Structures are given as structure tokens and as C-alpha cells.
ModelCIF file with pLDDT and N, C-alpha, C, O atoms, coordinates in Angstrom:
data_MODEL
#
_entry.id   MODEL 
#
_entity.id                         1 
_entity.type                       polymer 
_entity.pdbx_number_of_molecules   1 
#
_entity_poly.entity_id                      1 
_entity_poly.type                           'polypeptide(L)' 
_entity_poly.nstd_linkage                   no 
_entity_poly.nstd_monomer                   no 
_entity_poly.pdbx_seq_one_letter_code       ILGEILEHFANPAILLRQAFRLLKEKGTLVITVPYGYH 
_entity_poly.pdbx_seq_one_letter_code_can   ILGEILEHFANPAILLRQAFRLLKEKGTLVITVPYGYH 
_entity_poly.pdbx_strand_id                 A 
#
loop_
_entity_poly_seq.entity_id 
_entity_poly_seq.num 
_entity_poly_seq.mon_id 
_entity_poly_seq.hetero 
1 1  ILE n 
1 2  LEU n 
1 3  GLY n 
1 4  GLU n 
1 5  ILE n 
1 6  LEU n 
1 7  GLU n 
1 8  HIS n 
1 9  PHE n 
1 10 ALA n 
1 11 ASN n 
1 12 PRO n 
1 13 ALA n 
1 14 ILE n 
1 15 LEU n 
1 16 LEU n 
1 17 ARG n 
1 18 GLN n 
1 19 ALA n 
1 20 PHE n 
1 21 ARG n 
1 22 LEU n 
1 23 LEU n 
1 24 LYS n 
1 25 GLU n 
1 26 LYS n 
1 27 GLY n 
1 28 THR n 
1 29 LEU n 
1 30 VAL n 
1 31 ILE n 
1 32 THR n 
1 33 VAL n 
1 34 PRO n 
1 35 TYR n 
1 36 GLY n 
1 37 TYR n 
1 38 HIS n 
#
_struct_asym.id          A 
_struct_asym.entity_id   1 
#
loop_
_ma_qa_metric.id 
_ma_qa_metric.mode 
_ma_qa_metric.name 
_ma_qa_metric.software_group_id 
_ma_qa_metric.type 
1 global pLDDT . pLDDT 
2 local  pLDDT . pLDDT 
#
_ma_qa_metric_global.metric_id      1 
_ma_qa_metric_global.metric_value   94.95 
_ma_qa_metric_global.model_id       1 
_ma_qa_metric_global.ordinal_id     1 
#
loop_
_ma_qa_metric_local.label_asym_id 
_ma_qa_metric_local.label_comp_id 
_ma_qa_metric_local.label_seq_id 
_ma_qa_metric_local.metric_id 
_ma_qa_metric_local.metric_value 
_ma_qa_metric_local.model_id 
_ma_qa_metric_local.ordinal_id 
A ILE 1  2 98.00 1 1  
A LEU 2  2 98.00 1 2  
A GLY 3  2 96.00 1 3  
A GLU 4  2 94.00 1 4  
A ILE 5  2 95.00 1 5  
A LEU 6  2 96.00 1 6  
A GLU 7  2 94.00 1 7  
A HIS 8  2 92.00 1 8  
A PHE 9  2 93.00 1 9  
A ALA 10 2 92.00 1 10 
A ASN 11 2 95.00 1 11 
A PRO 12 2 95.00 1 12 
A ALA 13 2 95.00 1 13 
A ILE 14 2 96.00 1 14 
A LEU 15 2 97.00 1 15 
A LEU 16 2 97.00 1 16 
A ARG 17 2 96.00 1 17 
A GLN 18 2 97.00 1 18 
A ALA 19 2 98.00 1 19 
A PHE 20 2 98.00 1 20 
A ARG 21 2 97.00 1 21 
A LEU 22 2 98.00 1 22 
A LEU 23 2 98.00 1 23 
A LYS 24 2 97.00 1 24 
A GLU 25 2 96.00 1 25 
A LYS 26 2 95.00 1 26 
A GLY 27 2 98.00 1 27 
A THR 28 2 98.00 1 28 
A LEU 29 2 98.00 1 29 
A VAL 30 2 98.00 1 30 
A ILE 31 2 98.00 1 31 
A THR 32 2 97.00 1 32 
A VAL 33 2 96.00 1 33 
A PRO 34 2 94.00 1 34 
A TYR 35 2 93.00 1 35 
A GLY 36 2 88.00 1 36 
A TYR 37 2 78.00 1 37 
A HIS 38 2 79.00 1 38 
#
loop_
_atom_site.group_PDB 
_atom_site.id 
_atom_site.type_symbol 
_atom_site.label_atom_id 
_atom_site.label_alt_id 
_atom_site.label_comp_id 
_atom_site.label_asym_id 
_atom_site.label_entity_id 
_atom_site.label_seq_id 
_atom_site.pdbx_PDB_ins_code 
_atom_site.Cartn_x 
_atom_site.Cartn_y 
_atom_site.Cartn_z 
_atom_site.occupancy 
_atom_site.B_iso_or_equiv 
_atom_site.pdbx_formal_charge 
_atom_site.auth_seq_id 
_atom_site.auth_comp_id 
_atom_site.auth_asym_id 
_atom_site.auth_atom_id 
_atom_site.pdbx_PDB_model_num 
ATOM 1   N N  . ILE A 1 1  ? 57.253 96.417  127.879 1.00 98.00 ? 1  ILE A N  1 
ATOM 2   C CA . ILE A 1 1  ? 55.995 97.103  128.180 1.00 98.00 ? 1  ILE A CA 1 
ATOM 3   C C  . ILE A 1 1  ? 55.987 98.469  127.499 1.00 98.00 ? 1  ILE A C  1 
ATOM 4   O O  . ILE A 1 1  ? 56.921 99.256  127.652 1.00 98.00 ? 1  ILE A O  1 
ATOM 5   N N  . LEU A 1 2  ? 54.933 98.737  126.754 1.00 98.00 ? 2  LEU A N  1 
ATOM 6   C CA . LEU A 1 2  ? 54.697 100.064 126.164 1.00 98.00 ? 2  LEU A CA 1 
ATOM 7   C C  . LEU A 1 2  ? 53.380 100.572 126.728 1.00 98.00 ? 2  LEU A C  1 
ATOM 8   O O  . LEU A 1 2  ? 52.324 100.398 126.120 1.00 98.00 ? 2  LEU A O  1 
ATOM 9   N N  . GLY A 1 3  ? 53.450 101.195 127.882 1.00 96.00 ? 3  GLY A N  1 
ATOM 10  C CA . GLY A 1 3  ? 52.248 101.660 128.561 1.00 96.00 ? 3  GLY A CA 1 
ATOM 11  C C  . GLY A 1 3  ? 51.952 103.112 128.250 1.00 96.00 ? 3  GLY A C  1 
ATOM 12  O O  . GLY A 1 3  ? 52.664 104.008 128.703 1.00 96.00 ? 3  GLY A O  1 
ATOM 13  N N  . GLU A 1 4  ? 50.901 103.347 127.478 1.00 94.00 ? 4  GLU A N  1 
ATOM 14  C CA . GLU A 1 4  ? 50.483 104.697 127.055 1.00 94.00 ? 4  GLU A CA 1 
ATOM 15  C C  . GLU A 1 4  ? 51.637 105.505 126.463 1.00 94.00 ? 4  GLU A C  1 
ATOM 16  O O  . GLU A 1 4  ? 51.909 106.629 126.884 1.00 94.00 ? 4  GLU A O  1 
ATOM 17  N N  . ILE A 1 5  ? 52.294 104.918 125.495 1.00 95.00 ? 5  ILE A N  1 
ATOM 18  C CA . ILE A 1 5  ? 53.400 105.615 124.835 1.00 95.00 ? 5  ILE A CA 1 
ATOM 19  C C  . ILE A 1 5  ? 53.263 105.600 123.317 1.00 95.00 ? 5  ILE A C  1 
ATOM 20  O O  . ILE A 1 5  ? 53.704 106.533 122.646 1.00 95.00 ? 5  ILE A O  1 
ATOM 21  N N  . LEU A 1 6  ? 52.659 104.553 122.775 1.00 96.00 ? 6  LEU A N  1 
ATOM 22  C CA . LEU A 1 6  ? 52.593 104.404 121.322 1.00 96.00 ? 6  LEU A CA 1 
ATOM 23  C C  . LEU A 1 6  ? 51.807 105.536 120.668 1.00 96.00 ? 6  LEU A C  1 
ATOM 24  O O  . LEU A 1 6  ? 52.104 105.926 119.539 1.00 96.00 ? 6  LEU A O  1 
ATOM 25  N N  . GLU A 1 7  ? 50.808 106.062 121.371 1.00 94.00 ? 7  GLU A N  1 
ATOM 26  C CA . GLU A 1 7  ? 49.983 107.142 120.802 1.00 94.00 ? 7  GLU A CA 1 
ATOM 27  C C  . GLU A 1 7  ? 50.743 108.462 120.661 1.00 94.00 ? 7  GLU A C  1 
ATOM 28  O O  . GLU A 1 7  ? 50.265 109.384 120.000 1.00 94.00 ? 7  GLU A O  1 
ATOM 29  N N  . HIS A 1 8  ? 51.915 108.555 121.275 1.00 92.00 ? 8  HIS A N  1 
ATOM 30  C CA . HIS A 1 8  ? 52.724 109.776 121.179 1.00 92.00 ? 8  HIS A CA 1 
ATOM 31  C C  . HIS A 1 8  ? 53.643 109.773 119.951 1.00 92.00 ? 8  HIS A C  1 
ATOM 32  O O  . HIS A 1 8  ? 54.370 110.739 119.717 1.00 92.00 ? 8  HIS A O  1 
ATOM 33  N N  . PHE A 1 9  ? 53.609 108.693 119.173 1.00 93.00 ? 9  PHE A N  1 
ATOM 34  C CA . PHE A 1 9  ? 54.480 108.568 118.006 1.00 93.00 ? 9  PHE A CA 1 
ATOM 35  C C  . PHE A 1 9  ? 53.700 108.798 116.717 1.00 93.00 ? 9  PHE A C  1 
ATOM 36  O O  . PHE A 1 9  ? 52.683 108.148 116.477 1.00 93.00 ? 9  PHE A O  1 
ATOM 37  N N  . ALA A 1 10 ? 54.177 109.724 115.889 1.00 92.00 ? 10 ALA A N  1 
ATOM 38  C CA . ALA A 1 10 ? 53.576 109.909 114.573 1.00 92.00 ? 10 ALA A CA 1 
ATOM 39  C C  . ALA A 1 10 ? 53.822 108.689 113.699 1.00 92.00 ? 10 ALA A C  1 
ATOM 40  O O  . ALA A 1 10 ? 53.004 108.345 112.847 1.00 92.00 ? 10 ALA A O  1 
ATOM 41  N N  . ASN A 1 11 ? 54.971 108.035 113.923 1.00 95.00 ? 11 ASN A N  1 
ATOM 42  C CA . ASN A 1 11 ? 55.313 106.811 113.201 1.00 95.00 ? 11 ASN A CA 1 
ATOM 43  C C  . ASN A 1 11 ? 55.580 105.705 114.219 1.00 95.00 ? 11 ASN A C  1 
ATOM 44  O O  . ASN A 1 11 ? 56.725 105.530 114.635 1.00 95.00 ? 11 ASN A O  1 
ATOM 45  N N  . PRO A 1 12 ? 54.540 104.941 114.641 1.00 95.00 ? 12 PRO A N  1 
ATOM 46  C CA . PRO A 1 12 ? 54.720 103.915 115.672 1.00 95.00 ? 12 PRO A CA 1 
ATOM 47  C C  . PRO A 1 12 ? 55.742 102.856 115.303 1.00 95.00 ? 12 PRO A C  1 
ATOM 48  O O  . PRO A 1 12 ? 56.295 102.206 116.190 1.00 95.00 ? 12 PRO A O  1 
ATOM 49  N N  . ALA A 1 13 ? 56.010 102.665 114.014 1.00 95.00 ? 13 ALA A N  1 
ATOM 50  C CA . ALA A 1 13 ? 56.965 101.641 113.584 1.00 95.00 ? 13 ALA A CA 1 
ATOM 51  C C  . ALA A 1 13 ? 58.349 101.877 114.179 1.00 95.00 ? 13 ALA A C  1 
ATOM 52  O O  . ALA A 1 13 ? 59.094 100.924 114.407 1.00 95.00 ? 13 ALA A O  1 
ATOM 53  N N  . ILE A 1 14 ? 58.698 103.129 114.431 1.00 96.00 ? 14 ILE A N  1 
ATOM 54  C CA . ILE A 1 14 ? 60.010 103.441 115.019 1.00 96.00 ? 14 ILE A CA 1 
ATOM 55  C C  . ILE A 1 14 ? 60.165 102.734 116.357 1.00 96.00 ? 14 ILE A C  1 
ATOM 56  O O  . ILE A 1 14 ? 61.195 102.117 116.631 1.00 96.00 ? 14 ILE A O  1 
ATOM 57  N N  . LEU A 1 15 ? 59.132 102.828 117.185 1.00 97.00 ? 15 LEU A N  1 
ATOM 58  C CA . LEU A 1 15 ? 59.182 102.209 118.515 1.00 97.00 ? 15 LEU A CA 1 
ATOM 59  C C  . LEU A 1 15 ? 58.983 100.699 118.440 1.00 97.00 ? 15 LEU A C  1 
ATOM 60  O O  . LEU A 1 15 ? 59.646 99.950  119.157 1.00 97.00 ? 15 LEU A O  1 
ATOM 61  N N  . LEU A 1 16 ? 58.084 100.252 117.585 1.00 97.00 ? 16 LEU A N  1 
ATOM 62  C CA . LEU A 1 16 ? 57.808 98.822  117.486 1.00 97.00 ? 16 LEU A CA 1 
ATOM 63  C C  . LEU A 1 16 ? 59.008 98.048  116.951 1.00 97.00 ? 16 LEU A C  1 
ATOM 64  O O  . LEU A 1 16 ? 59.272 96.923  117.377 1.00 97.00 ? 16 LEU A O  1 
ATOM 65  N N  . ARG A 1 17 ? 59.723 98.649  116.029 1.00 96.00 ? 17 ARG A N  1 
ATOM 66  C CA . ARG A 1 17 ? 60.930 98.012  115.483 1.00 96.00 ? 17 ARG A CA 1 
ATOM 67  C C  . ARG A 1 17 ? 61.986 97.842  116.582 1.00 96.00 ? 17 ARG A C  1 
ATOM 68  O O  . ARG A 1 17 ? 62.670 96.821  116.643 1.00 96.00 ? 17 ARG A O  1 
ATOM 69  N N  . GLN A 1 18 ? 62.109 98.845  117.441 1.00 97.00 ? 18 GLN A N  1 
ATOM 70  C CA . GLN A 1 18 ? 63.071 98.762  118.540 1.00 97.00 ? 18 GLN A CA 1 
ATOM 71  C C  . GLN A 1 18 ? 62.629 97.752  119.597 1.00 97.00 ? 18 GLN A C  1 
ATOM 72  O O  . GLN A 1 18 ? 63.456 97.029  120.152 1.00 97.00 ? 18 GLN A O  1 
ATOM 73  N N  . ALA A 1 19 ? 61.327 97.702  119.875 1.00 98.00 ? 19 ALA A N  1 
ATOM 74  C CA . ALA A 1 19 ? 60.816 96.708  120.816 1.00 98.00 ? 19 ALA A CA 1 
ATOM 75  C C  . ALA A 1 19 ? 61.087 95.294  120.308 1.00 98.00 ? 19 ALA A C  1 
ATOM 76  O O  . ALA A 1 19 ? 61.455 94.409  121.081 1.00 98.00 ? 19 ALA A O  1 
ATOM 77  N N  . PHE A 1 20 ? 60.906 95.091  119.017 1.00 98.00 ? 20 PHE A N  1 
ATOM 78  C CA . PHE A 1 20 ? 61.199 93.799  118.388 1.00 98.00 ? 20 PHE A CA 1 
ATOM 79  C C  . PHE A 1 20 ? 62.673 93.439  118.585 1.00 98.00 ? 20 PHE A C  1 
ATOM 80  O O  . PHE A 1 20 ? 62.996 92.298  118.915 1.00 98.00 ? 20 PHE A O  1 
ATOM 81  N N  . ARG A 1 21 ? 63.559 94.405  118.385 1.00 97.00 ? 21 ARG A N  1 
ATOM 82  C CA . ARG A 1 21 ? 64.998 94.157  118.521 1.00 97.00 ? 21 ARG A CA 1 
ATOM 83  C C  . ARG A 1 21 ? 65.378 93.800  119.955 1.00 97.00 ? 21 ARG A C  1 
ATOM 84  O O  . ARG A 1 21 ? 66.265 92.974  120.175 1.00 97.00 ? 21 ARG A O  1 
ATOM 85  N N  . LEU A 1 22 ? 64.712 94.417  120.929 1.00 98.00 ? 22 LEU A N  1 
ATOM 86  C CA . LEU A 1 22 ? 65.087 94.253  122.328 1.00 98.00 ? 22 LEU A CA 1 
ATOM 87  C C  . LEU A 1 22 ? 64.466 93.028  122.991 1.00 98.00 ? 22 LEU A C  1 
ATOM 88  O O  . LEU A 1 22 ? 64.842 92.672  124.107 1.00 98.00 ? 22 LEU A O  1 
ATOM 89  N N  . LEU A 1 23 ? 63.519 92.382  122.315 1.00 98.00 ? 23 LEU A N  1 
ATOM 90  C CA . LEU A 1 23 ? 62.874 91.204  122.880 1.00 98.00 ? 23 LEU A CA 1 
ATOM 91  C C  . LEU A 1 23 ? 63.628 89.914  122.540 1.00 98.00 ? 23 LEU A C  1 
ATOM 92  O O  . LEU A 1 23 ? 64.207 89.776  121.462 1.00 98.00 ? 23 LEU A O  1 
ATOM 93  N N  . LYS A 1 24 ? 63.605 88.986  123.481 1.00 97.00 ? 24 LYS A N  1 
ATOM 94  C CA . LYS A 1 24 ? 64.129 87.650  123.220 1.00 97.00 ? 24 LYS A CA 1 
ATOM 95  C C  . LYS A 1 24 ? 63.211 86.919  122.240 1.00 97.00 ? 24 LYS A C  1 
ATOM 96  O O  . LYS A 1 24 ? 62.100 87.370  121.961 1.00 97.00 ? 24 LYS A O  1 
ATOM 97  N N  . GLU A 1 25 ? 63.678 85.806  121.732 1.00 96.00 ? 25 GLU A N  1 
ATOM 98  C CA . GLU A 1 25 ? 62.857 84.983  120.848 1.00 96.00 ? 25 GLU A CA 1 
ATOM 99  C C  . GLU A 1 25 ? 61.563 84.595  121.567 1.00 96.00 ? 25 GLU A C  1 
ATOM 100 O O  . GLU A 1 25 ? 61.591 84.119  122.702 1.00 96.00 ? 25 GLU A O  1 
ATOM 101 N N  . LYS A 1 26 ? 60.437 84.803  120.896 1.00 95.00 ? 26 LYS A N  1 
ATOM 102 C CA . LYS A 1 26 ? 59.093 84.543  121.427 1.00 95.00 ? 26 LYS A CA 1 
ATOM 103 C C  . LYS A 1 26 ? 58.797 85.381  122.659 1.00 95.00 ? 26 LYS A C  1 
ATOM 104 O O  . LYS A 1 26 ? 57.961 85.003  123.480 1.00 95.00 ? 26 LYS A O  1 
ATOM 105 N N  . GLY A 1 27 ? 59.479 86.521  122.797 1.00 98.00 ? 27 GLY A N  1 
ATOM 106 C CA . GLY A 1 27 ? 59.223 87.432  123.908 1.00 98.00 ? 27 GLY A CA 1 
ATOM 107 C C  . GLY A 1 27 ? 57.851 88.083  123.797 1.00 98.00 ? 27 GLY A C  1 
ATOM 108 O O  . GLY A 1 27 ? 57.226 88.064  122.737 1.00 98.00 ? 27 GLY A O  1 
ATOM 109 N N  . THR A 1 28 ? 57.389 88.662  124.910 1.00 98.00 ? 28 THR A N  1 
ATOM 110 C CA . THR A 1 28 ? 56.048 89.240  125.000 1.00 98.00 ? 28 THR A CA 1 
ATOM 111 C C  . THR A 1 28 ? 56.090 90.758  124.935 1.00 98.00 ? 28 THR A C  1 
ATOM 112 O O  . THR A 1 28 ? 56.898 91.399  125.607 1.00 98.00 ? 28 THR A O  1 
ATOM 113 N N  . LEU A 1 29 ? 55.212 91.324  124.120 1.00 98.00 ? 29 LEU A N  1 
ATOM 114 C CA . LEU A 1 29 ? 55.001 92.768  124.071 1.00 98.00 ? 29 LEU A CA 1 
ATOM 115 C C  . LEU A 1 29 ? 53.676 93.070  124.751 1.00 98.00 ? 29 LEU A C  1 
ATOM 116 O O  . LEU A 1 29 ? 52.650 92.475  124.421 1.00 98.00 ? 29 LEU A O  1 
ATOM 117 N N  . VAL A 1 30 ? 53.700 93.996  125.699 1.00 98.00 ? 30 VAL A N  1 
ATOM 118 C CA . VAL A 1 30 ? 52.491 94.411  126.421 1.00 98.00 ? 30 VAL A CA 1 
ATOM 119 C C  . VAL A 1 30 ? 52.236 95.882  126.116 1.00 98.00 ? 30 VAL A C  1 
ATOM 120 O O  . VAL A 1 30 ? 53.101 96.730  126.337 1.00 98.00 ? 30 VAL A O  1 
ATOM 121 N N  . ILE A 1 31 ? 51.046 96.177  125.608 1.00 98.00 ? 31 ILE A N  1 
ATOM 122 C CA . ILE A 1 31 ? 50.727 97.540  125.172 1.00 98.00 ? 31 ILE A CA 1 
ATOM 123 C C  . ILE A 1 31 ? 49.420 98.000  125.799 1.00 98.00 ? 31 ILE A C  1 
ATOM 124 O O  . ILE A 1 31 ? 48.458 97.235  125.876 1.00 98.00 ? 31 ILE A O  1 
ATOM 125 N N  . THR A 1 32 ? 49.386 99.248  126.246 1.00 97.00 ? 32 THR A N  1 
ATOM 126 C CA . THR A 1 32 ? 48.127 99.921  126.561 1.00 97.00 ? 32 THR A CA 1 
ATOM 127 C C  . THR A 1 32 ? 48.125 101.264 125.845 1.00 97.00 ? 32 THR A C  1 
ATOM 128 O O  . THR A 1 32 ? 49.120 101.989 125.852 1.00 97.00 ? 32 THR A O  1 
ATOM 129 N N  . VAL A 1 33 ? 46.988 101.585 125.226 1.00 96.00 ? 33 VAL A N  1 
ATOM 130 C CA . VAL A 1 33 ? 46.806 102.871 124.539 1.00 96.00 ? 33 VAL A CA 1 
ATOM 131 C C  . VAL A 1 33 ? 45.388 103.362 124.800 1.00 96.00 ? 33 VAL A C  1 
ATOM 132 O O  . VAL A 1 33 ? 44.495 102.548 125.034 1.00 96.00 ? 33 VAL A O  1 
ATOM 133 N N  . PRO A 1 34 ? 45.156 104.679 124.766 1.00 94.00 ? 34 PRO A N  1 
ATOM 134 C CA . PRO A 1 34 ? 43.780 105.161 124.845 1.00 94.00 ? 34 PRO A CA 1 
ATOM 135 C C  . PRO A 1 34 ? 42.959 104.591 123.690 1.00 94.00 ? 34 PRO A C  1 
ATOM 136 O O  . PRO A 1 34 ? 43.435 104.530 122.556 1.00 94.00 ? 34 PRO A O  1 
ATOM 137 N N  . TYR A 1 35 ? 41.733 104.176 123.979 1.00 93.00 ? 35 TYR A N  1 
ATOM 138 C CA . TYR A 1 35 ? 40.870 103.620 122.933 1.00 93.00 ? 35 TYR A CA 1 
ATOM 139 C C  . TYR A 1 35 ? 40.055 104.745 122.311 1.00 93.00 ? 35 TYR A C  1 
ATOM 140 O O  . TYR A 1 35 ? 39.226 105.372 122.971 1.00 93.00 ? 35 TYR A O  1 
ATOM 141 N N  . GLY A 1 36 ? 40.310 104.989 121.019 1.00 88.00 ? 36 GLY A N  1 
ATOM 142 C CA . GLY A 1 36 ? 39.611 106.060 120.332 1.00 88.00 ? 36 GLY A CA 1 
ATOM 143 C C  . GLY A 1 36 ? 40.198 107.421 120.665 1.00 88.00 ? 36 GLY A C  1 
ATOM 144 O O  . GLY A 1 36 ? 41.324 107.520 121.152 1.00 88.00 ? 36 GLY A O  1 
ATOM 145 N N  . TYR A 1 37 ? 39.436 108.455 120.401 1.00 78.00 ? 37 TYR A N  1 
ATOM 146 C CA . TYR A 1 37 ? 39.932 109.825 120.531 1.00 78.00 ? 37 TYR A CA 1 
ATOM 147 C C  . TYR A 1 37 ? 40.029 110.251 121.986 1.00 78.00 ? 37 TYR A C  1 
ATOM 148 O O  . TYR A 1 37 ? 39.036 110.238 122.714 1.00 78.00 ? 37 TYR A O  1 
ATOM 149 N N  . HIS A 1 38 ? 41.235 110.629 122.408 1.00 79.00 ? 38 HIS A N  1 
ATOM 150 C CA . HIS A 1 38 ? 41.467 111.237 123.717 1.00 79.00 ? 38 HIS A CA 1 
ATOM 151 C C  . HIS A 1 38 ? 42.131 112.589 123.478 1.00 79.00 ? 38 HIS A C  1 
ATOM 152 O O  . HIS A 1 38 ? 42.433 113.305 124.432 1.00 79.00 ? 38 HIS A O  1 
#
């Protein structure tokens, strides 16, 4: 789960790459981010 965290990264790939590593095969990623400018 990445709940309101991705928007705090200048380079989201850093976090997404780690999420990919930590997930099992066919694992689920759940994301929430503010929509548009907050």
C-alpha cells in the first residue's frame, strides 16, 4: 500500500522500484494520491 506517499517523491521510480522488489509474483499495488494540484 502506498497511501498518499508517491506525491512526496521527486523521482517516484525510487519508491516504485522498491515496491516491485517487495511484492510477491502477481502481487497487488494499492495507491492513493491527490488528484491534480493540492
